[in-house]
Amino acid sequence: MKVLSNVEACVLVGGCVLAVDLITVVHETSERTSIPLQSNLIAASAFMEPLKEWMYIDKDGSQVGPMEKDAIRRLWSKKDIDWTTRFWASGMLDWKKLRDIRELRWALASRVPVITPPQ
C-alpha cells in the first residue's frame, strides 16, 4: 500500500483485525493433522462429529483423550488445564505445552468475531 490514505482507510474499517483473523485460519490449516480419507467418505455433512485428535496429560500425570477442540475449550474455562499442560496430536513428534501450539492458542483466544452471520 503505497498511498497512505488507503492504509488509513483499511485500518479504520478493521482491515488489520480481519488480516489477523485470516492469518490465523491459514496457520490453523497448515498445522492441522492430515488424515487420509477413503474415497467413499469424502462427502461431508452438517452432522459430522468434530475430529477427536488431541490428547493431554492431566495434573495427575495421566494421559487423557482423544478429544476435540470444544472439549479443550471447556477444560480451559473450568481451569482444568493451563498454558503448561502438555498436548499431543497425530503428526506431532513430541508432547508440547499448550502455549507452544498455535492452533490451540487461537482456539482458546476469547475475542469478538470480525465477520458475524447476517441477521
PDB file of N, CA and C in Angstrom:
ATOM      1  N   MET A   1       0.844  -1.167   0.000  1.00  0.00           N
ATOM      2  CA  MET A   1       0.000   0.000   0.000  1.00  0.00           C
ATOM      3  C   MET A   1       0.893   1.234   0.000  1.00  0.00           C
ATOM      4  N   LYS A   2       0.979   1.843  -1.149  1.00  0.00           N
ATOM      5  CA  LYS A   2       1.849   3.000  -1.276  1.00  0.00           C
ATOM      6  C   LYS A   2       1.135   4.297  -0.933  1.00  0.00           C
ATOM      7  N   VAL A   3      -0.187   4.321  -1.054  1.00  0.00           N
ATOM      8  CA  VAL A   3      -0.948   5.540  -0.783  1.00  0.00           C
ATOM      9  C   VAL A   3      -1.410   5.499   0.669  1.00  0.00           C
ATOM     10  N   LEU A   4      -0.940   6.471   1.468  1.00  0.00           N
ATOM     11  CA  LEU A   4      -1.232   6.461   2.901  1.00  0.00           C
ATOM     12  C   LEU A   4      -2.719   6.549   3.207  1.00  0.00           C
ATOM     13  N   SER A   5      -3.480   7.228   2.372  1.00  0.00           N
ATOM     14  CA  SER A   5      -4.921   7.318   2.629  1.00  0.00           C
ATOM     15  C   SER A   5      -5.581   5.944   2.516  1.00  0.00           C
ATOM     16  N   ASN A   6      -5.060   5.093   1.637  1.00  0.00           N
ATOM     17  CA  ASN A   6      -5.582   3.727   1.531  1.00  0.00           C
ATOM     18  C   ASN A   6      -5.265   2.927   2.789  1.00  0.00           C
ATOM     19  N   VAL A   7      -4.072   3.098   3.310  1.00  0.00           N
ATOM     20  CA  VAL A   7      -3.673   2.406   4.533  1.00  0.00           C
ATOM     21  C   VAL A   7      -4.565   2.847   5.684  1.00  0.00           C
ATOM     22  N   GLU A   8      -4.757   4.154   5.798  1.00  0.00           N
ATOM     23  CA  GLU A   8      -5.593   4.690   6.871  1.00  0.00           C
ATOM     24  C   GLU A   8      -7.023   4.166   6.761  1.00  0.00           C
ATOM     25  N   ALA A   9      -7.567   4.151   5.559  1.00  0.00           N
ATOM     26  CA  ALA A   9      -8.934   3.655   5.351  1.00  0.00           C
ATOM     27  C   ALA A   9      -9.035   2.177   5.716  1.00  0.00           C
ATOM     28  N   CYS A  10      -8.023   1.421   5.366  1.00  0.00           N
ATOM     29  CA  CYS A  10      -8.006  -0.010   5.689  1.00  0.00           C
ATOM     30  C   CYS A  10      -8.009  -0.227   7.197  1.00  0.00           C
ATOM     31  N   VAL A  11      -7.198   0.522   7.912  1.00  0.00           N
ATOM     32  CA  VAL A  11      -7.119   0.404   9.370  1.00  0.00           C
ATOM     33  C   VAL A  11      -8.431   0.833  10.017  1.00  0.00           C
ATOM     34  N   LEU A  12      -9.023   1.913   9.529  1.00  0.00           N
ATOM     35  CA  LEU A  12     -10.254   2.443  10.124  1.00  0.00           C
ATOM     36  C   LEU A  12     -11.440   1.494  10.001  1.00  0.00           C
ATOM     37  N   VAL A  13     -11.492   0.707   8.952  1.00  0.00           N
ATOM     38  CA  VAL A  13     -12.623  -0.214   8.779  1.00  0.00           C
ATOM     39  C   VAL A  13     -12.334  -1.607   9.337  1.00  0.00           C
ATOM     40  N   GLY A  14     -11.228  -1.748  10.068  1.00  0.00           N
ATOM     41  CA  GLY A  14     -10.934  -3.031  10.713  1.00  0.00           C
ATOM     42  C   GLY A  14     -10.149  -3.993   9.852  1.00  0.00           C
ATOM     43  N   GLY A  15      -9.456  -3.487   8.875  1.00  0.00           N
ATOM     44  CA  GLY A  15      -8.680  -4.341   7.988  1.00  0.00           C
ATOM     45  C   GLY A  15      -7.581  -5.113   8.692  1.00  0.00           C
ATOM     46  N   CYS A  16      -6.972  -4.516   9.716  1.00  0.00           N
ATOM     47  CA  CYS A  16      -5.895  -5.198  10.449  1.00  0.00           C
ATOM     48  C   CYS A  16      -6.439  -6.409  11.201  1.00  0.00           C
ATOM     49  N   VAL A  17      -7.574  -6.220  11.854  1.00  0.00           N
ATOM     50  CA  VAL A  17      -8.184  -7.324  12.600  1.00  0.00           C
ATOM     51  C   VAL A  17      -8.581  -8.440  11.644  1.00  0.00           C
ATOM     52  N   LEU A  18      -9.144  -8.082  10.508  1.00  0.00           N
ATOM     53  CA  LEU A  18      -9.525  -9.068   9.508  1.00  0.00           C
ATOM     54  C   LEU A  18      -8.300  -9.819   8.999  1.00  0.00           C
ATOM     55  N   ALA A  19      -7.197  -9.100   8.774  1.00  0.00           N
ATOM     56  CA  ALA A  19      -5.963  -9.735   8.313  1.00  0.00           C
ATOM     57  C   ALA A  19      -5.440 -10.723   9.350  1.00  0.00           C
ATOM     58  N   VAL A  20      -5.497 -10.358  10.632  1.00  0.00           N
ATOM     59  CA  VAL A  20      -5.049 -11.264  11.696  1.00  0.00           C
ATOM     60  C   VAL A  20      -5.921 -12.512  11.721  1.00  0.00           C
ATOM     61  N   ASP A  21      -7.237 -12.343  11.590  1.00  0.00           N
ATOM     62  CA  ASP A  21      -8.132 -13.499  11.556  1.00  0.00           C
ATOM     63  C   ASP A  21      -7.836 -14.401  10.367  1.00  0.00           C
ATOM     64  N   LEU A  22      -7.565 -13.813   9.224  1.00  0.00           N
ATOM     65  CA  LEU A  22      -7.253 -14.587   8.032  1.00  0.00           C
ATOM     66  C   LEU A  22      -5.950 -15.358   8.210  1.00  0.00           C
ATOM     67  N   ILE A  23      -4.943 -14.706   8.765  1.00  0.00           N
ATOM     68  CA  ILE A  23      -3.660 -15.367   9.013  1.00  0.00           C
ATOM     69  C   ILE A  23      -3.843 -16.516  10.001  1.00  0.00           C
ATOM     70  N   THR A  24      -4.706 -16.324  10.993  1.00  0.00           N
ATOM     71  CA  THR A  24      -4.993 -17.375  11.969  1.00  0.00           C
ATOM     72  C   THR A  24      -5.538 -18.616  11.286  1.00  0.00           C
ATOM     73  N   VAL A  25      -6.480 -18.432  10.395  1.00  0.00           N
ATOM     74  CA  VAL A  25      -7.072 -19.566   9.683  1.00  0.00           C
ATOM     75  C   VAL A  25      -6.016 -20.281   8.855  1.00  0.00           C
ATOM     76  N   VAL A  26      -5.160 -19.520   8.206  1.00  0.00           N
ATOM     77  CA  VAL A  26      -4.102 -20.118   7.390  1.00  0.00           C
ATOM     78  C   VAL A  26      -3.162 -20.944   8.259  1.00  0.00           C
ATOM     79  N   HIS A  27      -2.762 -20.406   9.417  1.00  0.00           N
ATOM     80  CA  HIS A  27      -1.869 -21.149  10.304  1.00  0.00           C
ATOM     81  C   HIS A  27      -2.549 -22.399  10.842  1.00  0.00           C
ATOM     82  N   GLU A  28      -3.817 -22.284  11.216  1.00  0.00           N
ATOM     83  CA  GLU A  28      -4.534 -23.445  11.739  1.00  0.00           C
ATOM     84  C   GLU A  28      -4.604 -24.542  10.689  1.00  0.00           C
ATOM     85  N   THR A  29      -4.852 -24.155   9.453  1.00  0.00           N
ATOM     86  CA  THR A  29      -4.934 -25.126   8.375  1.00  0.00           C
ATOM     87  C   THR A  29      -3.573 -25.760   8.117  1.00  0.00           C
ATOM     88  N   SER A  30      -2.508 -24.979   8.194  1.00  0.00           N
ATOM     89  CA  SER A  30      -1.180 -25.521   7.906  1.00  0.00           C
ATOM     90  C   SER A  30      -0.702 -26.473   8.989  1.00  0.00           C
ATOM     91  N   GLU A  31      -1.198 -26.323  10.221  1.00  0.00           N
ATOM     92  CA  GLU A  31      -0.767 -27.198  11.311  1.00  0.00           C
ATOM     93  C   GLU A  31      -1.716 -28.369  11.546  1.00  0.00           C
ATOM     94  N   ARG A  32      -2.832 -28.392  10.849  1.00  0.00           N
ATOM     95  CA  ARG A  32      -3.824 -29.441  11.051  1.00  0.00           C
ATOM     96  C   ARG A  32      -3.250 -30.788  10.636  1.00  0.00           C
ATOM     97  N   THR A  33      -3.570 -31.798  11.399  1.00  0.00           N
ATOM     98  CA  THR A  33      -3.116 -33.144  11.108  1.00  0.00           C
ATOM     99  C   THR A  33      -3.803 -33.651   9.845  1.00  0.00           C
ATOM    100  N   SER A  34      -3.024 -34.214   8.945  1.00  0.00           N
ATOM    101  CA  SER A  34      -3.578 -34.753   7.713  1.00  0.00           C
ATOM    102  C   SER A  34      -4.032 -36.184   7.947  1.00  0.00           C
ATOM    103  N   ILE A  35      -5.293 -36.443   7.678  1.00  0.00           N
ATOM    104  CA  ILE A  35      -5.834 -37.790   7.853  1.00  0.00           C
ATOM    105  C   ILE A  35      -6.378 -38.247   6.504  1.00  0.00           C
ATOM    106  N   PRO A  36      -5.823 -39.341   5.955  1.00  0.00           N
ATOM    107  CA  PRO A  36      -6.313 -39.810   4.660  1.00  0.00           C
ATOM    108  C   PRO A  36      -7.747 -40.322   4.777  1.00  0.00           C
ATOM    109  N   LEU A  37      -8.553 -40.035   3.762  1.00  0.00           N
ATOM    110  CA  LEU A  37      -9.945 -40.470   3.748  1.00  0.00           C
ATOM    111  C   LEU A  37     -10.149 -41.542   2.690  1.00  0.00           C
ATOM    112  N   GLN A  38     -11.075 -42.440   2.953  1.00  0.00           N
ATOM    113  CA  GLN A  38     -11.470 -43.386   1.925  1.00  0.00           C
ATOM    114  C   GLN A  38     -12.286 -42.621   0.896  1.00  0.00           C
ATOM    115  N   SER A  39     -12.226 -43.049  -0.337  1.00  0.00           N
ATOM    116  CA  SER A  39     -12.902 -42.303  -1.397  1.00  0.00           C
ATOM    117  C   SER A  39     -14.404 -42.205  -1.184  1.00  0.00           C
ATOM    118  N   ASN A  40     -15.003 -43.171  -0.497  1.00  0.00           N
ATOM    119  CA  ASN A  40     -16.446 -43.108  -0.291  1.00  0.00           C
ATOM    120  C   ASN A  40     -16.827 -42.269   0.925  1.00  0.00           C
ATOM    121  N   LEU A  41     -15.866 -41.696   1.612  1.00  0.00           N
ATOM    122  CA  LEU A  41     -16.148 -40.880   2.784  1.00  0.00           C
ATOM    123  C   LEU A  41     -15.839 -39.404   2.563  1.00  0.00           C
ATOM    124  N   ILE A  42     -15.578 -39.010   1.345  1.00  0.00           N
ATOM    125  CA  ILE A  42     -15.173 -37.635   1.083  1.00  0.00           C
ATOM    126  C   ILE A  42     -16.310 -36.650   1.324  1.00  0.00           C
ATOM    127  N   ALA A  43     -17.534 -37.023   1.033  1.00  0.00           N
ATOM    128  CA  ALA A  43     -18.664 -36.108   1.226  1.00  0.00           C
ATOM    129  C   ALA A  43     -18.877 -35.861   2.713  1.00  0.00           C
ATOM    130  N   ALA A  44     -18.934 -34.599   3.085  1.00  0.00           N
ATOM    131  CA  ALA A  44     -19.144 -34.230   4.487  1.00  0.00           C
ATOM    132  C   ALA A  44     -20.594 -33.825   4.687  1.00  0.00           C
ATOM    133  N   SER A  45     -21.031 -33.938   5.922  1.00  0.00           N
ATOM    134  CA  SER A  45     -22.390 -33.493   6.219  1.00  0.00           C
ATOM    135  C   SER A  45     -22.345 -32.515   7.381  1.00  0.00           C
ATOM    136  N   ALA A  46     -23.439 -31.811   7.570  1.00  0.00           N
ATOM    137  CA  ALA A  46     -23.525 -30.838   8.659  1.00  0.00           C
ATOM    138  C   ALA A  46     -23.573 -31.531  10.007  1.00  0.00           C
ATOM    139  N   PHE A  47     -23.817 -32.825  10.011  1.00  0.00           N
ATOM    140  CA  PHE A  47     -23.976 -33.551  11.269  1.00  0.00           C
ATOM    141  C   PHE A  47     -22.751 -34.381  11.632  1.00  0.00           C
ATOM    142  N   MET A  48     -21.624 -34.104  10.990  1.00  0.00           N
ATOM    143  CA  MET A  48     -20.397 -34.840  11.313  1.00  0.00           C
ATOM    144  C   MET A  48     -19.897 -34.439  12.689  1.00  0.00           C
ATOM    145  N   GLU A  49     -19.370 -35.409  13.420  1.00  0.00           N
ATOM    146  CA  GLU A  49     -18.783 -35.104  14.721  1.00  0.00           C
ATOM    147  C   GLU A  49     -17.441 -34.419  14.514  1.00  0.00           C
ATOM    148  N   PRO A  50     -17.072 -33.500  15.429  1.00  0.00           N
ATOM    149  CA  PRO A  50     -15.749 -32.869  15.331  1.00  0.00           C
ATOM    150  C   PRO A  50     -14.649 -33.921  15.480  1.00  0.00           C
ATOM    151  N   LEU A  51     -13.536 -33.665  14.845  1.00  0.00           N
ATOM    152  CA  LEU A  51     -12.413 -34.589  14.874  1.00  0.00           C
ATOM    153  C   LEU A  51     -11.796 -34.632  16.267  1.00  0.00           C
ATOM    154  N   LYS A  52     -11.720 -35.825  16.836  1.00  0.00           N
ATOM    155  CA  LYS A  52     -11.110 -36.002  18.156  1.00  0.00           C
ATOM    156  C   LYS A  52      -9.654 -36.392  17.934  1.00  0.00           C
ATOM    157  N   GLU A  53      -8.792 -35.383  17.923  1.00  0.00           N
ATOM    158  CA  GLU A  53      -7.392 -35.637  17.592  1.00  0.00           C
ATOM    159  C   GLU A  53      -6.417 -35.265  18.704  1.00  0.00           C
ATOM    160  N   TRP A  54      -6.885 -34.620  19.776  1.00  0.00           N
ATOM    161  CA  TRP A  54      -5.977 -34.092  20.788  1.00  0.00           C
ATOM    162  C   TRP A  54      -5.970 -34.945  22.046  1.00  0.00           C
ATOM    163  N   MET A  55      -4.783 -35.146  22.593  1.00  0.00           N
ATOM    164  CA  MET A  55      -4.594 -35.840  23.866  1.00  0.00           C
ATOM    165  C   MET A  55      -3.834 -34.874  24.772  1.00  0.00           C
ATOM    166  N   TYR A  56      -4.033 -35.009  26.076  1.00  0.00           N
ATOM    167  CA  TYR A  56      -3.269 -34.174  27.004  1.00  0.00           C
ATOM    168  C   TYR A  56      -2.921 -34.971  28.251  1.00  0.00           C
ATOM    169  N   ILE A  57      -1.984 -34.444  29.028  1.00  0.00           N
ATOM    170  CA  ILE A  57      -1.570 -35.074  30.282  1.00  0.00           C
ATOM    171  C   ILE A  57      -2.149 -34.238  31.409  1.00  0.00           C
ATOM    172  N   ASP A  58      -3.003 -34.870  32.236  1.00  0.00           N
ATOM    173  CA  ASP A  58      -3.678 -34.122  33.305  1.00  0.00           C
ATOM    174  C   ASP A  58      -2.743 -33.886  34.488  1.00  0.00           C
ATOM    175  N   LYS A  59      -3.279 -33.262  35.536  1.00  0.00           N
ATOM    176  CA  LYS A  59      -2.462 -32.882  36.699  1.00  0.00           C
ATOM    177  C   LYS A  59      -1.919 -34.083  37.460  1.00  0.00           C
ATOM    178  N   ASP A  60      -2.562 -35.256  37.289  1.00  0.00           N
ATOM    179  CA  ASP A  60      -2.090 -36.482  37.942  1.00  0.00           C
ATOM    180  C   ASP A  60      -1.060 -37.220  37.101  1.00  0.00           C
ATOM    181  N   GLY A  61      -0.782 -36.713  35.904  1.00  0.00           N
ATOM    182  CA  GLY A  61       0.184 -37.350  35.022  1.00  0.00           C
ATOM    183  C   GLY A  61      -0.427 -38.409  34.120  1.00  0.00           C
ATOM    184  N   SER A  62      -1.756 -38.498  34.097  1.00  0.00           N
ATOM    185  CA  SER A  62      -2.436 -39.483  33.257  1.00  0.00           C
ATOM    186  C   SER A  62      -2.712 -38.902  31.876  1.00  0.00           C
ATOM    187  N   GLN A  63      -2.642 -39.767  30.888  1.00  0.00           N
ATOM    188  CA  GLN A  63      -2.925 -39.367  29.513  1.00  0.00           C
ATOM    189  C   GLN A  63      -4.441 -39.394  29.300  1.00  0.00           C
ATOM    190  N   VAL A  64      -5.001 -38.298  28.786  1.00  0.00           N
ATOM    191  CA  VAL A  64      -6.443 -38.177  28.586  1.00  0.00           C
ATOM    192  C   VAL A  64      -6.715 -37.869  27.119  1.00  0.00           C
ATOM    193  N   GLY A  65      -7.738 -38.519  26.553  1.00  0.00           N
ATOM    194  CA  GLY A  65      -8.124 -38.239  25.180  1.00  0.00           C
ATOM    195  C   GLY A  65      -8.312 -39.508  24.402  1.00  0.00           C
ATOM    196  N   PRO A  66      -8.580 -39.408  23.148  1.00  0.00           N
ATOM    197  CA  PRO A  66      -8.583 -38.209  22.305  1.00  0.00           C
ATOM    198  C   PRO A  66      -9.838 -37.364  22.498  1.00  0.00           C
ATOM    199  N   MET A  67      -9.714 -36.081  22.171  1.00  0.00           N
ATOM    200  CA  MET A  67     -10.829 -35.145  22.312  1.00  0.00           C
ATOM    201  C   MET A  67     -10.745 -34.067  21.245  1.00  0.00           C
ATOM    202  N   GLU A  68     -11.879 -33.381  21.042  1.00  0.00           N
ATOM    203  CA  GLU A  68     -11.937 -32.307  20.057  1.00  0.00           C
ATOM    204  C   GLU A  68     -11.643 -30.970  20.728  1.00  0.00           C
ATOM    205  N   LYS A  69     -11.496 -29.929  19.927  1.00  0.00           N
ATOM    206  CA  LYS A  69     -11.148 -28.600  20.447  1.00  0.00           C
ATOM    207  C   LYS A  69     -12.213 -28.045  21.382  1.00  0.00           C
ATOM    208  N   ASP A  70     -13.489 -28.346  21.129  1.00  0.00           N
ATOM    209  CA  ASP A  70     -14.546 -27.844  22.017  1.00  0.00           C
ATOM    210  C   ASP A  70     -14.375 -28.384  23.434  1.00  0.00           C
ATOM    211  N   ALA A  71     -13.966 -29.638  23.560  1.00  0.00           N
ATOM    212  CA  ALA A  71     -13.724 -30.213  24.886  1.00  0.00           C
ATOM    213  C   ALA A  71     -12.545 -29.516  25.556  1.00  0.00           C
ATOM    214  N   ILE A  72     -11.534 -29.157  24.774  1.00  0.00           N
ATOM    215  CA  ILE A  72     -10.384 -28.433  25.320  1.00  0.00           C
ATOM    216  C   ILE A  72     -10.823 -27.051  25.791  1.00  0.00           C
ATOM    217  N   ARG A  73     -11.694 -26.388  25.027  1.00  0.00           N
ATOM    218  CA  ARG A  73     -12.218 -25.085  25.457  1.00  0.00           C
ATOM    219  C   ARG A  73     -12.970 -25.208  26.785  1.00  0.00           C
ATOM    220  N   ARG A  74     -13.752 -26.275  26.953  1.00  0.00           N
ATOM    221  CA  ARG A  74     -14.482 -26.469  28.211  1.00  0.00           C
ATOM    222  C   ARG A  74     -13.514 -26.698  29.376  1.00  0.00           C
ATOM    223  N   LEU A  75     -12.477 -27.502  29.154  1.00  0.00           N
ATOM    224  CA  LEU A  75     -11.468 -27.718  30.202  1.00  0.00           C
ATOM    225  C   LEU A  75     -10.790 -26.403  30.567  1.00  0.00           C
ATOM    226  N   TRP A  76     -10.515 -25.579  29.566  1.00  0.00           N
ATOM    227  CA  TRP A  76      -9.872 -24.277  29.780  1.00  0.00           C
ATOM    228  C   TRP A  76     -10.771 -23.376  30.623  1.00  0.00           C
ATOM    229  N   SER A  77     -12.056 -23.329  30.287  1.00  0.00           N
ATOM    230  CA  SER A  77     -12.969 -22.444  31.025  1.00  0.00           C
ATOM    231  C   SER A  77     -13.162 -22.903  32.466  1.00  0.00           C
ATOM    232  N   LYS A  78     -13.028 -24.212  32.722  1.00  0.00           N
ATOM    233  CA  LYS A  78     -13.128 -24.728  34.098  1.00  0.00           C
ATOM    234  C   LYS A  78     -11.785 -24.672  34.822  1.00  0.00           C
ATOM    235  N   LYS A  79     -10.754 -24.197  34.113  1.00  0.00           N
ATOM    236  CA  LYS A  79      -9.392 -24.088  34.659  1.00  0.00           C
ATOM    237  C   LYS A  79      -8.803 -25.455  35.026  1.00  0.00           C
ATOM    238  N   ASP A  80      -9.232 -26.496  34.302  1.00  0.00           N
ATOM    239  CA  ASP A  80      -8.653 -27.826  34.486  1.00  0.00           C
ATOM    240  C   ASP A  80      -7.323 -27.959  33.754  1.00  0.00           C
ATOM    241  N   ILE A  81      -7.083 -27.076  32.785  1.00  0.00           N
ATOM    242  CA  ILE A  81      -5.809 -27.046  32.063  1.00  0.00           C
ATOM    243  C   ILE A  81      -5.297 -25.614  32.073  1.00  0.00           C
ATOM    244  N   ASP A  82      -3.987 -25.467  31.849  1.00  0.00           N
ATOM    245  CA  ASP A  82      -3.401 -24.129  31.759  1.00  0.00           C
ATOM    246  C   ASP A  82      -2.355 -24.129  30.650  1.00  0.00           C
ATOM    247  N   TRP A  83      -1.610 -23.034  30.546  1.00  0.00           N
ATOM    248  CA  TRP A  83      -0.640 -22.891  29.456  1.00  0.00           C
ATOM    249  C   TRP A  83       0.473 -23.927  29.508  1.00  0.00           C
ATOM    250  N   THR A  84       0.706 -24.539  30.671  1.00  0.00           N
ATOM    251  CA  THR A  84       1.805 -25.502  30.782  1.00  0.00           C
ATOM    252  C   THR A  84       1.356 -26.944  30.576  1.00  0.00           C
ATOM    253  N   THR A  85       0.057 -27.177  30.408  1.00  0.00           N
ATOM    254  CA  THR A  85      -0.449 -28.528  30.164  1.00  0.00           C
ATOM    255  C   THR A  85       0.100 -29.030  28.836  1.00  0.00           C
ATOM    256  N   ARG A  86       0.550 -30.283  28.824  1.00  0.00           N
ATOM    257  CA  ARG A  86       1.151 -30.854  27.611  1.00  0.00           C
ATOM    258  C   ARG A  86       0.090 -31.545  26.759  1.00  0.00           C
ATOM    259  N   PHE A  87       0.140 -31.247  25.434  1.00  0.00           N
ATOM    260  CA  PHE A  87      -0.797 -31.813  24.473  1.00  0.00           C
ATOM    261  C   PHE A  87      -0.046 -32.530  23.365  1.00  0.00           C
ATOM    262  N   TRP A  88      -0.758 -33.423  22.702  1.00  0.00           N
ATOM    263  CA  TRP A  88      -0.207 -34.152  21.571  1.00  0.00           C
ATOM    264  C   TRP A  88      -1.335 -34.494  20.605  1.00  0.00           C
ATOM    265  N   ALA A  89      -1.034 -34.504  19.307  1.00  0.00           N
ATOM    266  CA  ALA A  89      -1.962 -34.958  18.267  1.00  0.00           C
ATOM    267  C   ALA A  89      -1.160 -35.744  17.240  1.00  0.00           C
ATOM    268  N   SER A  90      -1.841 -36.568  16.502  1.00  0.00           N
ATOM    269  CA  SER A  90      -1.198 -37.360  15.464  1.00  0.00           C
ATOM    270  C   SER A  90      -0.439 -36.440  14.513  1.00  0.00           C
ATOM    271  N   GLY A  91       0.779 -36.799  14.207  1.00  0.00           N
ATOM    272  CA  GLY A  91       1.602 -35.978  13.328  1.00  0.00           C
ATOM    273  C   GLY A  91       2.623 -35.139  14.073  1.00  0.00           C
ATOM    274  N   MET A  92       2.439 -34.981  15.393  1.00  0.00           N
ATOM    275  CA  MET A  92       3.405 -34.224  16.197  1.00  0.00           C
ATOM    276  C   MET A  92       4.523 -35.168  16.623  1.00  0.00           C
ATOM    277  N   LEU A  93       5.731 -34.672  16.667  1.00  0.00           N
ATOM    278  CA  LEU A  93       6.863 -35.504  17.058  1.00  0.00           C
ATOM    279  C   LEU A  93       6.884 -35.779  18.550  1.00  0.00           C
ATOM    280  N   ASP A  94       6.442 -34.807  19.344  1.00  0.00           N
ATOM    281  CA  ASP A  94       6.536 -34.939  20.797  1.00  0.00           C
ATOM    282  C   ASP A  94       5.411 -34.146  21.448  1.00  0.00           C
ATOM    283  N   TRP A  95       5.208 -34.375  22.735  1.00  0.00           N
ATOM    284  CA  TRP A  95       4.228 -33.611  23.507  1.00  0.00           C
ATOM    285  C   TRP A  95       4.722 -32.177  23.620  1.00  0.00           C
ATOM    286  N   LYS A  96       3.796 -31.219  23.521  1.00  0.00           N
ATOM    287  CA  LYS A  96       4.155 -29.804  23.631  1.00  0.00           C
ATOM    288  C   LYS A  96       3.248 -29.124  24.640  1.00  0.00           C
ATOM    289  N   LYS A  97       3.789 -28.080  25.262  1.00  0.00           N
ATOM    290  CA  LYS A  97       2.967 -27.274  26.163  1.00  0.00           C
ATOM    291  C   LYS A  97       1.917 -26.534  25.343  1.00  0.00           C
ATOM    292  N   LEU A  98       0.764 -26.324  25.963  1.00  0.00           N
ATOM    293  CA  LEU A  98      -0.344 -25.644  25.297  1.00  0.00           C
ATOM    294  C   LEU A  98       0.092 -24.306  24.708  1.00  0.00           C
ATOM    295  N   ARG A  99       0.911 -23.575  25.430  1.00  0.00           N
ATOM    296  CA  ARG A  99       1.336 -22.253  24.952  1.00  0.00           C
ATOM    297  C   ARG A  99       2.186 -22.337  23.686  1.00  0.00           C
ATOM    298  N   ASP A 100       2.725 -23.522  23.373  1.00  0.00           N
ATOM    299  CA  ASP A 100       3.576 -23.685  22.198  1.00  0.00           C
ATOM    300  C   ASP A 100       2.828 -24.224  20.977  1.00  0.00           C
ATOM    301  N   ILE A 101       1.518 -24.456  21.107  1.00  0.00           N
ATOM    302  CA  ILE A 101       0.725 -24.994  19.998  1.00  0.00           C
ATOM    303  C   ILE A 101      -0.188 -23.887  19.486  1.00  0.00           C
ATOM    304  N   ARG A 102       0.185 -23.298  18.373  1.00  0.00           N
ATOM    305  CA  ARG A 102      -0.520 -22.139  17.831  1.00  0.00           C
ATOM    306  C   ARG A 102      -2.000 -22.429  17.595  1.00  0.00           C
ATOM    307  N   GLU A 103      -2.313 -23.584  17.039  1.00  0.00           N
ATOM    308  CA  GLU A 103      -3.711 -23.917  16.729  1.00  0.00           C
ATOM    309  C   GLU A 103      -4.592 -23.884  17.976  1.00  0.00           C
ATOM    310  N   LEU A 104      -4.092 -24.418  19.085  1.00  0.00           N
ATOM    311  CA  LEU A 104      -4.887 -24.422  20.316  1.00  0.00           C
ATOM    312  C   LEU A 104      -4.916 -23.042  20.963  1.00  0.00           C
ATOM    313  N   ARG A 105      -3.820 -22.306  20.873  1.00  0.00           N
ATOM    314  CA  ARG A 105      -3.835 -20.936  21.416  1.00  0.00           C
ATOM    315  C   ARG A 105      -4.924 -20.118  20.749  1.00  0.00           C
ATOM    316  N   TRP A 106      -5.024 -20.206  19.429  1.00  0.00           N
ATOM    317  CA  TRP A 106      -6.046 -19.449  18.712  1.00  0.00           C
ATOM    318  C   TRP A 106      -7.432 -19.973  19.042  1.00  0.00           C
ATOM    319  N   ALA A 107      -7.567 -21.277  19.239  1.00  0.00           N
ATOM    320  CA  ALA A 107      -8.878 -21.842  19.574  1.00  0.00           C
ATOM    321  C   ALA A 107      -9.351 -21.343  20.935  1.00  0.00           C
ATOM    322  N   LEU A 108      -8.417 -21.059  21.840  1.00  0.00           N
ATOM    323  CA  LEU A 108      -8.778 -20.614  23.186  1.00  0.00           C
ATOM    324  C   LEU A 108      -8.874 -19.099  23.308  1.00  0.00           C
ATOM    325  N   ALA A 109      -8.424 -18.387  22.288  1.00  0.00           N
ATOM    326  CA  ALA A 109      -8.463 -16.925  22.351  1.00  0.00           C
ATOM    327  C   ALA A 109      -9.912 -16.459  22.428  1.00  0.00           C
ATOM    328  N   SER A 110     -10.193 -15.612  23.400  1.00  0.00           N
ATOM    329  CA  SER A 110     -11.555 -15.075  23.509  1.00  0.00           C
ATOM    330  C   SER A 110     -11.585 -13.717  22.839  1.00  0.00           C
ATOM    331  N   ARG A 111     -12.364 -13.636  21.782  1.00  0.00           N
ATOM    332  CA  ARG A 111     -12.458 -12.390  21.047  1.00  0.00           C
ATOM    333  C   ARG A 111     -13.807 -12.343  20.355  1.00  0.00           C
ATOM    334  N   VAL A 112     -14.210 -11.160  20.011  1.00  0.00           N
ATOM    335  CA  VAL A 112     -15.453 -10.986  19.271  1.00  0.00           C
ATOM    336  C   VAL A 112     -15.156 -11.258  17.804  1.00  0.00           C
ATOM    337  N   PRO A 113     -15.929 -12.112  17.142  1.00  0.00           N
ATOM    338  CA  PRO A 113     -15.645 -12.402  15.739  1.00  0.00           C
ATOM    339  C   PRO A 113     -15.792 -11.159  14.868  1.00  0.00           C
ATOM    340  N   VAL A 114     -14.914 -11.047  13.884  1.00  0.00           N
ATOM    341  CA  VAL A 114     -14.942  -9.898  12.990  1.00  0.00           C
ATOM    342  C   VAL A 114     -16.096 -10.038  12.004  1.00  0.00           C
ATOM    343  N   ILE A 115     -16.257 -11.221  11.462  1.00  0.00           N
ATOM    344  CA  ILE A 115     -17.319 -11.455  10.497  1.00  0.00           C
ATOM    345  C   ILE A 115     -18.447 -12.181  11.217  1.00  0.00           C
ATOM    346  N   THR A 116     -19.583 -11.523  11.332  1.00  0.00           N
ATOM    347  CA  THR A 116     -20.719 -12.128  12.020  1.00  0.00           C
ATOM    348  C   THR A 116     -21.747 -12.588  11.001  1.00  0.00           C
ATOM    349  N   PRO A 117     -22.522 -13.607  11.339  1.00  0.00           N
ATOM    350  CA  PRO A 117     -23.540 -14.067  10.392  1.00  0.00           C
ATOM    351  C   PRO A 117     -24.591 -12.982  10.169  1.00  0.00           C
ATOM    352  N   PRO A 118     -25.162 -12.929   8.983  1.00  0.00           N
ATOM    353  CA  PRO A 118     -26.182 -11.909   8.718  1.00  0.00           C
ATOM    354  C   PRO A 118     -27.405 -12.113   9.603  1.00  0.00           C
ATOM    355  N   GLN A 119     -28.009 -11.020   9.998  1.00  0.00           N
ATOM    356  CA  GLN A 119     -29.169 -11.111  10.887  1.00  0.00           C
ATOM    357  C   GLN A 119     -30.461 -11.089  10.106  1.00  0.00           C
TER     358      GLN A 119
END
